[in-house]
Amino acid sequence: MGLTSRATWLLEDELKDKVDVEYSRGETWKPYMVEDRNLITGQNPASAAVLAKRLPQILA
């Protein structure tokens, strides 16, 4: 959206710099899904279809 340069802080930076987490992201506004044991998450609304296809497989 072009507002990154105006943000005083970004969650991505906080996660990478201050918290010991593994952080990943996909292309902006493209579907991106991550599975980590029992956590399944999508990056943005475009990821809803990918998640909807994967969840029945996991729950079966």
C-alpha atoms as a PDB file:
ATOM      1  CA  MET A   1       0.000   0.000   0.000  1.00  0.00           C
ATOM      2  CA  GLY A   2       3.036   2.246  -0.003  1.00  0.00           C
ATOM      3  CA  LEU A   3       2.891   3.250   3.655  1.00  0.00           C
ATOM      4  CA  THR A   4       5.816   1.221   4.987  1.00  0.00           C
ATOM      5  CA  SER A   5       8.161   4.197   4.887  1.00  0.00           C
ATOM      6  CA  ARG A   6       5.773   6.164   7.142  1.00  0.00           C
ATOM      7  CA  ALA A   7       5.433   3.454   9.811  1.00  0.00           C
ATOM      8  CA  THR A   8       7.277   4.116  13.047  1.00  0.00           C
ATOM      9  CA  TRP A   9       7.751   0.362  13.528  1.00  0.00           C
ATOM     10  CA  LEU A  10       6.888  -2.816  11.664  1.00  0.00           C
ATOM     11  CA  LEU A  11       5.839  -6.101  13.250  1.00  0.00           C
ATOM     12  CA  GLU A  12       8.227  -7.922  10.920  1.00  0.00           C
ATOM     13  CA  ASP A  13      11.179  -5.930  12.277  1.00  0.00           C
ATOM     14  CA  GLU A  14      10.120  -6.456  15.887  1.00  0.00           C
ATOM     15  CA  LEU A  15       9.828 -10.218  15.385  1.00  0.00           C
ATOM     16  CA  LYS A  16      13.175 -10.542  13.644  1.00  0.00           C
ATOM     17  CA  ASP A  17      15.153  -8.191  15.872  1.00  0.00           C
ATOM     18  CA  LYS A  18      13.726  -8.549  19.369  1.00  0.00           C
ATOM     19  CA  VAL A  19      12.069 -11.957  19.631  1.00  0.00           C
ATOM     20  CA  ASP A  20      13.640 -15.311  18.887  1.00  0.00           C
ATOM     21  CA  VAL A  21      11.184 -16.483  16.224  1.00  0.00           C
ATOM     22  CA  GLU A  22      11.396 -17.903  12.747  1.00  0.00           C
ATOM     23  CA  TYR A  23       9.644 -15.408  10.491  1.00  0.00           C
ATOM     24  CA  SER A  24       8.694 -15.854   6.856  1.00  0.00           C
ATOM     25  CA  ARG A  25       6.505 -14.075   4.358  1.00  0.00           C
ATOM     26  CA  GLY A  26       5.414 -14.453   0.783  1.00  0.00           C
ATOM     27  CA  GLU A  27       4.950 -11.951  -1.979  1.00  0.00           C
ATOM     28  CA  THR A  28       2.704  -9.007  -1.153  1.00  0.00           C
ATOM     29  CA  TRP A  29      -0.997  -9.766  -1.784  1.00  0.00           C
ATOM     30  CA  LYS A  30      -0.242 -13.310  -3.017  1.00  0.00           C
ATOM     31  CA  PRO A  31      -1.485 -16.458  -1.244  1.00  0.00           C
ATOM     32  CA  TYR A  32       0.953 -17.660   1.409  1.00  0.00           C
ATOM     33  CA  MET A  33       0.300 -20.322   4.027  1.00  0.00           C
ATOM     34  CA  VAL A  34       2.507 -21.679   6.805  1.00  0.00           C
ATOM     35  CA  GLU A  35       2.048 -24.909   8.782  1.00  0.00           C
ATOM     36  CA  ASP A  36       3.934 -25.408  12.012  1.00  0.00           C
ATOM     37  CA  ARG A  37       2.692 -28.450  13.914  1.00  0.00           C
ATOM     38  CA  ASN A  38      -0.825 -27.461  14.966  1.00  0.00           C
ATOM     39  CA  LEU A  39      -0.642 -23.827  13.822  1.00  0.00           C
ATOM     40  CA  ILE A  40      -1.855 -23.140  10.300  1.00  0.00           C
ATOM     41  CA  THR A  41      -1.982 -19.530   9.164  1.00  0.00           C
ATOM     42  CA  GLY A  42      -2.332 -17.391   6.073  1.00  0.00           C
ATOM     43  CA  GLN A  43      -0.576 -14.148   5.312  1.00  0.00           C
ATOM     44  CA  ASN A  44      -3.539 -12.189   3.975  1.00  0.00           C
ATOM     45  CA  PRO A  45      -7.085 -12.553   2.592  1.00  0.00           C
ATOM     46  CA  ALA A  46      -5.678 -14.003  -0.645  1.00  0.00           C
ATOM     47  CA  SER A  47      -4.575 -17.033   1.409  1.00  0.00           C
ATOM     48  CA  ALA A  48      -8.135 -18.023   2.366  1.00  0.00           C
ATOM     49  CA  ALA A  49      -8.610 -20.409  -0.570  1.00  0.00           C
ATOM     50  CA  VAL A  50      -5.300 -22.172   0.084  1.00  0.00           C
ATOM     51  CA  LEU A  51      -6.218 -22.601   3.757  1.00  0.00           C
ATOM     52  CA  ALA A  52      -9.731 -23.795   2.895  1.00  0.00           C
ATOM     53  CA  LYS A  53      -8.294 -26.546   0.685  1.00  0.00           C
ATOM     54  CA  ARG A  54      -5.721 -27.640   3.263  1.00  0.00           C
ATOM     55  CA  LEU A  55      -7.839 -27.700   6.436  1.00  0.00           C
ATOM     56  CA  PRO A  56     -10.056 -30.695   5.505  1.00  0.00           C
ATOM     57  CA  GLN A  57      -6.928 -32.718   4.724  1.00  0.00           C
ATOM     58  CA  ILE A  58      -5.469 -31.932   8.126  1.00  0.00           C
ATOM     59  CA  LEU A  59      -8.697 -32.565  10.038  1.00  0.00           C
ATOM     60  CA  ALA A  60      -9.453 -35.866   8.303  1.00  0.00           C
END
